[in-house]
Amino acid sequence: MLFRSASIEPKGIIDLAGEFPVLAGRQLRARLFTVDPGGIVGIHTHNERPGYAYIISGKIREHRNDSPRPIDHAAGSVAMEKAGVTHWWENIFDEPVQALVVDIFKPE
């Protein structure tokens, strides 16, 4: 995944094996993404990595394979990232955007 003018700050990880043995090898993680104006989060797919992106502040544009048009997300909105979703984000707006991204992840 390509990041340009973007940063990721880990906020917490839970090993899911202790919570749900069937999810051994997977983690629930929370990260704070900050994307400056002109920044991008490169194209990626969410197979076996469902999650939510909650926009805390600012606005960002999402391009995804299951939407015919780009989606502009503003503070307070949530983007669902589920199996089969391929997407990328760009900040075409004048201020940085912050998003709390929570997903189930399988470390390699």
PDB file of N, CA and C in Angstrom:
ATOM      1  N   MET A   1       0.851  -1.168   0.000  1.00  0.00           N
ATOM      2  CA  MET A   1       0.000   0.000   0.000  1.00  0.00           C
ATOM      3  C   MET A   1       0.897   1.231   0.000  1.00  0.00           C
ATOM      4  N   LEU A   2       0.631   2.154  -0.859  1.00  0.00           N
ATOM      5  CA  LEU A   2       1.409   3.373  -1.009  1.00  0.00           C
ATOM      6  C   LEU A   2       0.793   4.480  -0.167  1.00  0.00           C
ATOM      7  N   PHE A   3       1.646   5.204   0.549  1.00  0.00           N
ATOM      8  CA  PHE A   3       1.207   6.371   1.306  1.00  0.00           C
ATOM      9  C   PHE A   3       2.030   7.549   0.833  1.00  0.00           C
ATOM     10  N   ARG A   4       1.367   8.642   0.510  1.00  0.00           N
ATOM     11  CA  ARG A   4       2.064   9.868   0.173  1.00  0.00           C
ATOM     12  C   ARG A   4       1.436  10.979   0.998  1.00  0.00           C
ATOM     13  N   SER A   5       2.267  11.700   1.743  1.00  0.00           N
ATOM     14  CA  SER A   5       1.781  12.758   2.631  1.00  0.00           C
ATOM     15  C   SER A   5       0.743  12.211   3.599  1.00  0.00           C
ATOM     16  N   ALA A   6       1.024  11.020   4.119  1.00  0.00           N
ATOM     17  CA  ALA A   6       0.117  10.382   5.070  1.00  0.00           C
ATOM     18  C   ALA A   6       0.944   9.747   6.179  1.00  0.00           C
ATOM     19  N   SER A   7       0.370   9.673   7.371  1.00  0.00           N
ATOM     20  CA  SER A   7       1.049   8.997   8.473  1.00  0.00           C
ATOM     21  C   SER A   7       0.063   8.066   9.166  1.00  0.00           C
ATOM     22  N   ILE A   8       0.623   7.040   9.798  1.00  0.00           N
ATOM     23  CA  ILE A   8      -0.186   6.060  10.524  1.00  0.00           C
ATOM     24  C   ILE A   8       0.400   5.934  11.925  1.00  0.00           C
ATOM     25  N   GLU A   9      -0.444   6.117  12.920  1.00  0.00           N
ATOM     26  CA  GLU A   9      -0.033   5.991  14.318  1.00  0.00           C
ATOM     27  C   GLU A   9      -0.803   4.840  14.964  1.00  0.00           C
ATOM     28  N   PRO A  10      -0.111   3.755  15.334  1.00  0.00           N
ATOM     29  CA  PRO A  10      -0.801   2.647  16.006  1.00  0.00           C
ATOM     30  C   PRO A  10      -1.420   3.118  17.326  1.00  0.00           C
ATOM     31  N   LYS A  11      -2.630   2.676  17.610  1.00  0.00           N
ATOM     32  CA  LYS A  11      -3.329   3.052  18.838  1.00  0.00           C
ATOM     33  C   LYS A  11      -3.593   1.867  19.757  1.00  0.00           C
ATOM     34  N   GLY A  12      -3.590   0.651  19.232  1.00  0.00           N
ATOM     35  CA  GLY A  12      -3.813  -0.512  20.077  1.00  0.00           C
ATOM     36  C   GLY A  12      -4.041  -1.758  19.251  1.00  0.00           C
ATOM     37  N   ILE A  13      -3.672  -2.902  19.858  1.00  0.00           N
ATOM     38  CA  ILE A  13      -3.839  -4.204  19.204  1.00  0.00           C
ATOM     39  C   ILE A  13      -4.330  -5.201  20.252  1.00  0.00           C
ATOM     40  N   ILE A  14      -5.307  -6.018  19.868  1.00  0.00           N
ATOM     41  CA  ILE A  14      -5.774  -7.126  20.695  1.00  0.00           C
ATOM     42  C   ILE A  14      -5.546  -8.410  19.906  1.00  0.00           C
ATOM     43  N   ASP A  15      -4.842  -9.377  20.511  1.00  0.00           N
ATOM     44  CA  ASP A  15      -4.676 -10.695  19.888  1.00  0.00           C
ATOM     45  C   ASP A  15      -6.001 -11.433  20.054  1.00  0.00           C
ATOM     46  N   LEU A  16      -6.655 -11.752  18.963  1.00  0.00           N
ATOM     47  CA  LEU A  16      -7.998 -12.326  19.024  1.00  0.00           C
ATOM     48  C   LEU A  16      -8.036 -13.797  19.424  1.00  0.00           C
ATOM     49  N   ALA A  17      -6.907 -14.474  19.448  1.00  0.00           N
ATOM     50  CA  ALA A  17      -6.892 -15.890  19.856  1.00  0.00           C
ATOM     51  C   ALA A  17      -7.423 -16.049  21.272  1.00  0.00           C
ATOM     52  N   GLY A  18      -7.118 -15.116  22.143  1.00  0.00           N
ATOM     53  CA  GLY A  18      -7.592 -15.182  23.523  1.00  0.00           C
ATOM     54  C   GLY A  18      -9.061 -14.830  23.669  1.00  0.00           C
ATOM     55  N   GLU A  19      -9.615 -14.174  22.692  1.00  0.00           N
ATOM     56  CA  GLU A  19     -11.019 -13.773  22.725  1.00  0.00           C
ATOM     57  C   GLU A  19     -11.913 -14.788  22.011  1.00  0.00           C
ATOM     58  N   PHE A  20     -11.464 -15.225  20.838  1.00  0.00           N
ATOM     59  CA  PHE A  20     -12.202 -16.170  20.000  1.00  0.00           C
ATOM     60  C   PHE A  20     -11.191 -17.142  19.415  1.00  0.00           C
ATOM     61  N   PRO A  21     -11.029 -18.345  19.975  1.00  0.00           N
ATOM     62  CA  PRO A  21     -10.001 -19.269  19.491  1.00  0.00           C
ATOM     63  C   PRO A  21     -10.039 -19.501  17.980  1.00  0.00           C
ATOM     64  N   VAL A  22     -11.212 -19.426  17.359  1.00  0.00           N
ATOM     65  CA  VAL A  22     -11.305 -19.636  15.922  1.00  0.00           C
ATOM     66  C   VAL A  22     -10.571 -18.519  15.158  1.00  0.00           C
ATOM     67  N   LEU A  23     -10.296 -17.398  15.806  1.00  0.00           N
ATOM     68  CA  LEU A  23      -9.597 -16.284  15.172  1.00  0.00           C
ATOM     69  C   LEU A  23      -8.108 -16.249  15.525  1.00  0.00           C
ATOM     70  N   ALA A  24      -7.581 -17.387  15.955  1.00  0.00           N
ATOM     71  CA  ALA A  24      -6.139 -17.456  16.263  1.00  0.00           C
ATOM     72  C   ALA A  24      -5.343 -16.992  15.057  1.00  0.00           C
ATOM     73  N   GLY A  25      -4.321 -16.197  15.308  1.00  0.00           N
ATOM     74  CA  GLY A  25      -3.479 -15.670  14.241  1.00  0.00           C
ATOM     75  C   GLY A  25      -3.970 -14.333  13.699  1.00  0.00           C
ATOM     76  N   ARG A  26      -5.060 -13.823  14.256  1.00  0.00           N
ATOM     77  CA  ARG A  26      -5.588 -12.532  13.808  1.00  0.00           C
ATOM     78  C   ARG A  26      -5.599 -11.538  14.972  1.00  0.00           C
ATOM     79  N   GLN A  27      -5.524 -10.266  14.608  1.00  0.00           N
ATOM     80  CA  GLN A  27      -5.518  -9.195  15.591  1.00  0.00           C
ATOM     81  C   GLN A  27      -6.620  -8.195  15.269  1.00  0.00           C
ATOM     82  N   LEU A  28      -7.154  -7.593  16.311  1.00  0.00           N
ATOM     83  CA  LEU A  28      -8.014  -6.427  16.157  1.00  0.00           C
ATOM     84  C   LEU A  28      -7.109  -5.231  16.431  1.00  0.00           C
ATOM     85  N   ARG A  29      -7.003  -4.322  15.461  1.00  0.00           N
ATOM     86  CA  ARG A  29      -6.085  -3.199  15.658  1.00  0.00           C
ATOM     87  C   ARG A  29      -6.785  -1.882  15.360  1.00  0.00           C
ATOM     88  N   ALA A  30      -6.297  -0.847  16.010  1.00  0.00           N
ATOM     89  CA  ALA A  30      -6.784   0.513  15.806  1.00  0.00           C
ATOM     90  C   ALA A  30      -5.591   1.388  15.450  1.00  0.00           C
ATOM     91  N   ARG A  31      -5.777   2.201  14.394  1.00  0.00           N
ATOM     92  CA  ARG A  31      -4.708   3.094  13.940  1.00  0.00           C
ATOM     93  C   ARG A  31      -5.301   4.451  13.595  1.00  0.00           C
ATOM     94  N   LEU A  32      -4.521   5.496  13.829  1.00  0.00           N
ATOM     95  CA  LEU A  32      -4.924   6.844  13.464  1.00  0.00           C
ATOM     96  C   LEU A  32      -4.200   7.226  12.186  1.00  0.00           C
ATOM     97  N   PHE A  33      -4.968   7.455  11.125  1.00  0.00           N
ATOM     98  CA  PHE A  33      -4.409   7.902   9.847  1.00  0.00           C
ATOM     99  C   PHE A  33      -4.553   9.417   9.765  1.00  0.00           C
ATOM    100  N   THR A  34      -3.499  10.081   9.337  1.00  0.00           N
ATOM    101  CA  THR A  34      -3.542  11.506   9.021  1.00  0.00           C
ATOM    102  C   THR A  34      -3.076  11.644   7.579  1.00  0.00           C
ATOM    103  N   VAL A  35      -3.888  12.300   6.753  1.00  0.00           N
ATOM    104  CA  VAL A  35      -3.556  12.483   5.344  1.00  0.00           C
ATOM    105  C   VAL A  35      -3.609  13.982   5.054  1.00  0.00           C
ATOM    106  N   ASP A  36      -2.457  14.537   4.681  1.00  0.00           N
ATOM    107  CA  ASP A  36      -2.359  15.958   4.374  1.00  0.00           C
ATOM    108  C   ASP A  36      -3.015  16.270   3.038  1.00  0.00           C
ATOM    109  N   PRO A  37      -3.342  17.536   2.792  1.00  0.00           N
ATOM    110  CA  PRO A  37      -3.856  17.908   1.471  1.00  0.00           C
ATOM    111  C   PRO A  37      -2.897  17.434   0.372  1.00  0.00           C
ATOM    112  N   GLY A  38      -3.456  16.832  -0.669  1.00  0.00           N
ATOM    113  CA  GLY A  38      -2.646  16.272  -1.752  1.00  0.00           C
ATOM    114  C   GLY A  38      -2.151  14.866  -1.469  1.00  0.00           C
ATOM    115  N   GLY A  39      -2.377  14.356  -0.262  1.00  0.00           N
ATOM    116  CA  GLY A  39      -1.906  13.024   0.111  1.00  0.00           C
ATOM    117  C   GLY A  39      -2.817  11.920  -0.376  1.00  0.00           C
ATOM    118  N   ILE A  40      -2.261  10.706  -0.443  1.00  0.00           N
ATOM    119  CA  ILE A  40      -3.039   9.544  -0.870  1.00  0.00           C
ATOM    120  C   ILE A  40      -2.735   8.340   0.013  1.00  0.00           C
ATOM    121  N   VAL A  41      -3.677   7.443   0.082  1.00  0.00           N
ATOM    122  CA  VAL A  41      -3.492   6.090   0.598  1.00  0.00           C
ATOM    123  C   VAL A  41      -3.745   5.204  -0.608  1.00  0.00           C
ATOM    124  N   GLY A  42      -2.714   4.516  -1.072  1.00  0.00           N
ATOM    125  CA  GLY A  42      -2.759   3.784  -2.333  1.00  0.00           C
ATOM    126  C   GLY A  42      -3.772   2.656  -2.374  1.00  0.00           C
ATOM    127  N   ILE A  43      -3.997   2.172  -3.574  1.00  0.00           N
ATOM    128  CA  ILE A  43      -4.997   1.137  -3.823  1.00  0.00           C
ATOM    129  C   ILE A  43      -4.649  -0.139  -3.059  1.00  0.00           C
ATOM    130  N   HIS A  44      -5.668  -0.726  -2.441  1.00  0.00           N
ATOM    131  CA  HIS A  44      -5.501  -1.969  -1.693  1.00  0.00           C
ATOM    132  C   HIS A  44      -6.852  -2.679  -1.603  1.00  0.00           C
ATOM    133  N   THR A  45      -6.802  -3.975  -1.265  1.00  0.00           N
ATOM    134  CA  THR A  45      -7.992  -4.817  -1.199  1.00  0.00           C
ATOM    135  C   THR A  45      -8.167  -5.343   0.213  1.00  0.00           C
ATOM    136  N   HIS A  46      -9.405  -5.521   0.620  1.00  0.00           N
ATOM    137  CA  HIS A  46      -9.720  -5.937   1.987  1.00  0.00           C
ATOM    138  C   HIS A  46     -10.170  -7.389   2.084  1.00  0.00           C
ATOM    139  N   ASN A  47      -9.597  -8.281   1.328  1.00  0.00           N
ATOM    140  CA  ASN A  47      -9.912  -9.700   1.495  1.00  0.00           C
ATOM    141  C   ASN A  47      -9.364 -10.169   2.837  1.00  0.00           C
ATOM    142  N   GLU A  48     -10.214 -10.800   3.639  1.00  0.00           N
ATOM    143  CA  GLU A  48      -9.863 -11.312   4.965  1.00  0.00           C
ATOM    144  C   GLU A  48      -9.336 -10.220   5.889  1.00  0.00           C
ATOM    145  N   ARG A  49      -9.768  -8.962   5.681  1.00  0.00           N
ATOM    146  CA  ARG A  49      -9.343  -7.856   6.547  1.00  0.00           C
ATOM    147  C   ARG A  49     -10.466  -6.817   6.641  1.00  0.00           C
ATOM    148  N   PRO A  50     -11.599  -7.191   7.258  1.00  0.00           N
ATOM    149  CA  PRO A  50     -12.694  -6.239   7.382  1.00  0.00           C
ATOM    150  C   PRO A  50     -12.337  -5.119   8.357  1.00  0.00           C
ATOM    151  N   GLY A  51     -12.937  -3.968   8.128  1.00  0.00           N
ATOM    152  CA  GLY A  51     -12.675  -2.865   9.030  1.00  0.00           C
ATOM    153  C   GLY A  51     -13.613  -1.694   8.810  1.00  0.00           C
ATOM    154  N   TYR A  52     -13.427  -0.689   9.652  1.00  0.00           N
ATOM    155  CA  TYR A  52     -14.152   0.571   9.576  1.00  0.00           C
ATOM    156  C   TYR A  52     -13.155   1.709   9.603  1.00  0.00           C
ATOM    157  N   ALA A  53     -13.436   2.754   8.851  1.00  0.00           N
ATOM    158  CA  ALA A  53     -12.662   3.991   8.917  1.00  0.00           C
ATOM    159  C   ALA A  53     -13.624   5.092   9.344  1.00  0.00           C
ATOM    160  N   TYR A  54     -13.413   5.630  10.538  1.00  0.00           N
ATOM    161  CA  TYR A  54     -14.246   6.702  11.078  1.00  0.00           C
ATOM    162  C   TYR A  54     -13.509   8.018  10.872  1.00  0.00           C
ATOM    163  N   ILE A  55     -14.109   8.950  10.166  1.00  0.00           N
ATOM    164  CA  ILE A  55     -13.482  10.231   9.889  1.00  0.00           C
ATOM    165  C   ILE A  55     -13.678  11.138  11.102  1.00  0.00           C
ATOM    166  N   ILE A  56     -12.558  11.502  11.719  1.00  0.00           N
ATOM    167  CA  ILE A  56     -12.586  12.333  12.920  1.00  0.00           C
ATOM    168  C   ILE A  56     -12.669  13.807  12.556  1.00  0.00           C
ATOM    169  N   SER A  57     -11.836  14.227  11.603  1.00  0.00           N
ATOM    170  CA  SER A  57     -11.818  15.638  11.208  1.00  0.00           C
ATOM    171  C   SER A  57     -11.388  15.744   9.751  1.00  0.00           C
ATOM    172  N   GLY A  58     -11.810  16.832   9.105  1.00  0.00           N
ATOM    173  CA  GLY A  58     -11.466  17.053   7.713  1.00  0.00           C
ATOM    174  C   GLY A  58     -12.371  16.279   6.776  1.00  0.00           C
ATOM    175  N   LYS A  59     -11.952  16.222   5.514  1.00  0.00           N
ATOM    176  CA  LYS A  59     -12.685  15.496   4.475  1.00  0.00           C
ATOM    177  C   LYS A  59     -11.677  14.746   3.614  1.00  0.00           C
ATOM    178  N   ILE A  60     -12.154  13.643   3.013  1.00  0.00           N
ATOM    179  CA  ILE A  60     -11.301  12.844   2.132  1.00  0.00           C
ATOM    180  C   ILE A  60     -12.187  12.178   1.076  1.00  0.00           C
ATOM    181  N   ARG A  61     -11.605  11.921  -0.080  1.00  0.00           N
ATOM    182  CA  ARG A  61     -12.327  11.264  -1.177  1.00  0.00           C
ATOM    183  C   ARG A  61     -11.865   9.810  -1.272  1.00  0.00           C
ATOM    184  N   GLU A  62     -12.842   8.907  -1.352  1.00  0.00           N
ATOM    185  CA  GLU A  62     -12.571   7.475  -1.490  1.00  0.00           C
ATOM    186  C   GLU A  62     -13.033   7.023  -2.868  1.00  0.00           C
ATOM    187  N   HIS A  63     -12.198   6.241  -3.537  1.00  0.00           N
ATOM    188  CA  HIS A  63     -12.539   5.587  -4.805  1.00  0.00           C
ATOM    189  C   HIS A  63     -12.603   4.091  -4.511  1.00  0.00           C
ATOM    190  N   ARG A  64     -13.719   3.438  -4.866  1.00  0.00           N
ATOM    191  CA  ARG A  64     -13.857   2.016  -4.569  1.00  0.00           C
ATOM    192  C   ARG A  64     -14.551   1.268  -5.690  1.00  0.00           C
ATOM    193  N   ASN A  65     -14.234  -0.009  -5.781  1.00  0.00           N
ATOM    194  CA  ASN A  65     -14.742  -0.835  -6.874  1.00  0.00           C
ATOM    195  C   ASN A  65     -16.239  -1.102  -6.801  1.00  0.00           C
ATOM    196  N   ASP A  66     -16.868  -0.903  -5.656  1.00  0.00           N
ATOM    197  CA  ASP A  66     -18.302  -1.167  -5.546  1.00  0.00           C
ATOM    198  C   ASP A  66     -19.147   0.108  -5.585  1.00  0.00           C
ATOM    199  N   SER A  67     -18.543   1.216  -6.055  1.00  0.00           N
ATOM    200  CA  SER A  67     -19.278   2.466  -6.197  1.00  0.00           C
ATOM    201  C   SER A  67     -18.950   3.087  -7.556  1.00  0.00           C
ATOM    202  N   PRO A  68     -19.965   3.482  -8.309  1.00  0.00           N
ATOM    203  CA  PRO A  68     -19.698   4.047  -9.633  1.00  0.00           C
ATOM    204  C   PRO A  68     -19.068   5.436  -9.577  1.00  0.00           C
ATOM    205  N   ARG A  69     -19.175   6.109  -8.442  1.00  0.00           N
ATOM    206  CA  ARG A  69     -18.629   7.461  -8.284  1.00  0.00           C
ATOM    207  C   ARG A  69     -17.764   7.532  -7.036  1.00  0.00           C
ATOM    208  N   PRO A  70     -16.825   8.461  -7.000  1.00  0.00           N
ATOM    209  CA  PRO A  70     -16.055   8.672  -5.762  1.00  0.00           C
ATOM    210  C   PRO A  70     -16.996   9.086  -4.624  1.00  0.00           C
ATOM    211  N   ILE A  71     -16.572   8.780  -3.409  1.00  0.00           N
ATOM    212  CA  ILE A  71     -17.361   9.108  -2.216  1.00  0.00           C
ATOM    213  C   ILE A  71     -16.556  10.097  -1.385  1.00  0.00           C
ATOM    214  N   ASP A  72     -17.143  11.241  -1.078  1.00  0.00           N
ATOM    215  CA  ASP A  72     -16.507  12.211  -0.193  1.00  0.00           C
ATOM    216  C   ASP A  72     -16.975  11.950   1.225  1.00  0.00           C
ATOM    217  N   HIS A  73     -16.013  11.718   2.115  1.00  0.00           N
ATOM    218  CA  HIS A  73     -16.310  11.461   3.524  1.00  0.00           C
ATOM    219  C   HIS A  73     -15.915  12.692   4.330  1.00  0.00           C
ATOM    220  N   ALA A  74     -16.792  13.123   5.228  1.00  0.00           N
ATOM    221  CA  ALA A  74     -16.533  14.249   6.110  1.00  0.00           C
ATOM    222  C   ALA A  74     -16.529  13.761   7.559  1.00  0.00           C
ATOM    223  N   ALA A  75     -16.102  14.624   8.455  1.00  0.00           N
ATOM    224  CA  ALA A  75     -16.063  14.285   9.878  1.00  0.00           C
ATOM    225  C   ALA A  75     -17.394  13.695  10.325  1.00  0.00           C
ATOM    226  N   GLY A  76     -17.314  12.572  11.044  1.00  0.00           N
ATOM    227  CA  GLY A  76     -18.501  11.886  11.542  1.00  0.00           C
ATOM    228  C   GLY A  76     -18.979  10.746  10.666  1.00  0.00           C
ATOM    229  N   SER A  77     -18.435  10.624   9.459  1.00  0.00           N
ATOM    230  CA  SER A  77     -18.871   9.529   8.588  1.00  0.00           C
ATOM    231  C   SER A  77     -17.984   8.298   8.790  1.00  0.00           C
ATOM    232  N   VAL A  78     -18.510   7.163   8.349  1.00  0.00           N
ATOM    233  CA  VAL A  78     -17.818   5.881   8.481  1.00  0.00           C
ATOM    234  C   VAL A  78     -17.778   5.204   7.116  1.00  0.00           C
ATOM    235  N   ALA A  79     -16.606   4.676   6.764  1.00  0.00           N
ATOM    236  CA  ALA A  79     -16.478   3.858   5.556  1.00  0.00           C
ATOM    237  C   ALA A  79     -16.289   2.413   6.002  1.00  0.00           C
ATOM    238  N   MET A  80     -17.111   1.514   5.480  1.00  0.00           N
ATOM    239  CA  MET A  80     -16.974   0.092   5.793  1.00  0.00           C
ATOM    240  C   MET A  80     -16.070  -0.543   4.750  1.00  0.00           C
ATOM    241  N   GLU A  81     -15.130  -1.336   5.232  1.00  0.00           N
ATOM    242  CA  GLU A  81     -14.153  -2.003   4.374  1.00  0.00           C
ATOM    243  C   GLU A  81     -14.311  -3.500   4.606  1.00  0.00           C
ATOM    244  N   LYS A  82     -14.910  -4.188   3.625  1.00  0.00           N
ATOM    245  CA  LYS A  82     -15.203  -5.608   3.805  1.00  0.00           C
ATOM    246  C   LYS A  82     -14.608  -6.412   2.662  1.00  0.00           C
ATOM    247  N   ALA A  83     -14.743  -7.715   2.733  1.00  0.00           N
ATOM    248  CA  ALA A  83     -14.189  -8.601   1.711  1.00  0.00           C
ATOM    249  C   ALA A  83     -14.632  -8.168   0.326  1.00  0.00           C
ATOM    250  N   GLY A  84     -13.685  -8.149  -0.581  1.00  0.00           N
ATOM    251  CA  GLY A  84     -13.976  -7.798  -1.958  1.00  0.00           C
ATOM    252  C   GLY A  84     -13.845  -6.325  -2.278  1.00  0.00           C
ATOM    253  N   VAL A  85     -13.695  -5.482  -1.263  1.00  0.00           N
ATOM    254  CA  VAL A  85     -13.555  -4.049  -1.511  1.00  0.00           C
ATOM    255  C   VAL A  85     -12.103  -3.740  -1.879  1.00  0.00           C
ATOM    256  N   THR A  86     -11.941  -3.139  -3.045  1.00  0.00           N
ATOM    257  CA  THR A  86     -10.654  -2.600  -3.468  1.00  0.00           C
ATOM    258  C   THR A  86     -10.863  -1.097  -3.573  1.00  0.00           C
ATOM    259  N   HIS A  87      -9.981  -0.342  -2.910  1.00  0.00           N
ATOM    260  CA  HIS A  87     -10.189   1.099  -2.899  1.00  0.00           C
ATOM    261  C   HIS A  87      -8.888   1.857  -2.661  1.00  0.00           C
ATOM    262  N   TRP A  88      -8.987   3.185  -2.823  1.00  0.00           N
ATOM    263  CA  TRP A  88      -7.901   4.079  -2.478  1.00  0.00           C
ATOM    264  C   TRP A  88      -8.498   5.426  -2.080  1.00  0.00           C
ATOM    265  N   TRP A  89      -7.712   6.206  -1.355  1.00  0.00           N
ATOM    266  CA  TRP A  89      -8.160   7.475  -0.797  1.00  0.00           C
ATOM    267  C   TRP A  89      -7.259   8.601  -1.297  1.00  0.00           C
ATOM    268  N   GLU A  90      -7.836   9.785  -1.460  1.00  0.00           N
ATOM    269  CA  GLU A  90      -7.034  10.965  -1.777  1.00  0.00           C
ATOM    270  C   GLU A  90      -7.622  12.169  -1.055  1.00  0.00           C
ATOM    271  N   ASN A  91      -6.735  13.011  -0.539  1.00  0.00           N
ATOM    272  CA  ASN A  91      -7.193  14.232   0.109  1.00  0.00           C
ATOM    273  C   ASN A  91      -7.071  15.372  -0.897  1.00  0.00           C
ATOM    274  N   ILE A  92      -8.180  15.700  -1.544  1.00  0.00           N
ATOM    275  CA  ILE A  92      -8.210  16.781  -2.531  1.00  0.00           C
ATOM    276  C   ILE A  92      -8.653  18.090  -1.883  1.00  0.00           C
ATOM    277  N   PHE A  93      -8.814  18.075  -0.584  1.00  0.00           N
ATOM    278  CA  PHE A  93      -9.348  19.230   0.135  1.00  0.00           C
ATOM    279  C   PHE A  93      -8.214  20.061   0.738  1.00  0.00           C
ATOM    280  N   ASP A  94      -8.562  21.151   1.399  1.00  0.00           N
ATOM    281  CA  ASP A  94      -7.575  22.130   1.854  1.00  0.00           C
ATOM    282  C   ASP A  94      -7.045  21.911   3.262  1.00  0.00           C
ATOM    283  N   GLU A  95      -7.509  20.891   3.945  1.00  0.00           N
ATOM    284  CA  GLU A  95      -7.046  20.652   5.310  1.00  0.00           C
ATOM    285  C   GLU A  95      -6.713  19.175   5.508  1.00  0.00           C
ATOM    286  N   PRO A  96      -5.850  18.871   6.478  1.00  0.00           N
ATOM    287  CA  PRO A  96      -5.558  17.459   6.760  1.00  0.00           C
ATOM    288  C   PRO A  96      -6.821  16.737   7.223  1.00  0.00           C
ATOM    289  N   VAL A  97      -6.849  15.453   6.982  1.00  0.00           N
ATOM    290  CA  VAL A  97      -7.955  14.622   7.467  1.00  0.00           C
ATOM    291  C   VAL A  97      -7.375  13.623   8.457  1.00  0.00           C
ATOM    292  N   GLN A  98      -8.126  13.349   9.517  1.00  0.00           N
ATOM    293  CA  GLN A  98      -7.750  12.295  10.463  1.00  0.00           C
ATOM    294  C   GLN A  98      -8.867  11.269  10.487  1.00  0.00           C
ATOM    295  N   ALA A  99      -8.465   9.989  10.454  1.00  0.00           N
ATOM    296  CA  ALA A  99      -9.420   8.894  10.487  1.00  0.00           C
ATOM    297  C   ALA A  99      -8.934   7.829  11.457  1.00  0.00           C
ATOM    298  N   LEU A 100      -9.844   7.319  12.261  1.00  0.00           N
ATOM    299  CA  LEU A 100      -9.553   6.172  13.117  1.00  0.00           C
ATOM    300  C   LEU A 100      -9.943   4.933  12.328  1.00  0.00           C
ATOM    301  N   VAL A 101      -8.963   4.086  12.023  1.00  0.00           N
ATOM    302  CA  VAL A 101      -9.193   2.874  11.242  1.00  0.00           C
ATOM    303  C   VAL A 101      -9.055   1.676  12.182  1.00  0.00           C
ATOM    304  N   VAL A 102     -10.118   0.885  12.270  1.00  0.00           N
ATOM    305  CA  VAL A 102     -10.138  -0.313  13.119  1.00  0.00           C
ATOM    306  C   VAL A 102     -10.411  -1.492  12.207  1.00  0.00           C
ATOM    307  N   ASP A 103      -9.523  -2.497  12.256  1.00  0.00           N
ATOM    308  CA  ASP A 103      -9.707  -3.654  11.383  1.00  0.00           C
ATOM    309  C   ASP A 103      -9.216  -4.935  12.044  1.00  0.00           C
ATOM    310  N   ILE A 104      -9.626  -6.062  11.447  1.00  0.00           N
ATOM    311  CA  ILE A 104      -9.119  -7.374  11.840  1.00  0.00           C
ATOM    312  C   ILE A 104      -8.025  -7.703  10.847  1.00  0.00           C
ATOM    313  N   PHE A 105      -6.864  -8.057  11.374  1.00  0.00           N
ATOM    314  CA  PHE A 105      -5.647  -8.143  10.573  1.00  0.00           C
ATOM    315  C   PHE A 105      -4.922  -9.443  10.890  1.00  0.00           C
ATOM    316  N   LYS A 106      -4.314 -10.038   9.879  1.00  0.00           N
ATOM    317  CA  LYS A 106      -3.503 -11.242  10.057  1.00  0.00           C
ATOM    318  C   LYS A 106      -2.048 -10.870   9.765  1.00  0.00           C
ATOM    319  N   PRO A 107      -1.234 -10.696  10.839  1.00  0.00           N
ATOM    320  CA  PRO A 107       0.174 -10.362  10.612  1.00  0.00           C
ATOM    321  C   PRO A 107       0.890 -11.484   9.875  1.00  0.00           C
ATOM    322  N   GLU A 108       1.832 -11.111   9.039  1.00  0.00           N
ATOM    323  CA  GLU A 108       2.562 -12.118   8.277  1.00  0.00           C
ATOM    324  C   GLU A 108       3.892 -12.435   8.902  1.00  0.00           C
TER     325      GLU A 108
END
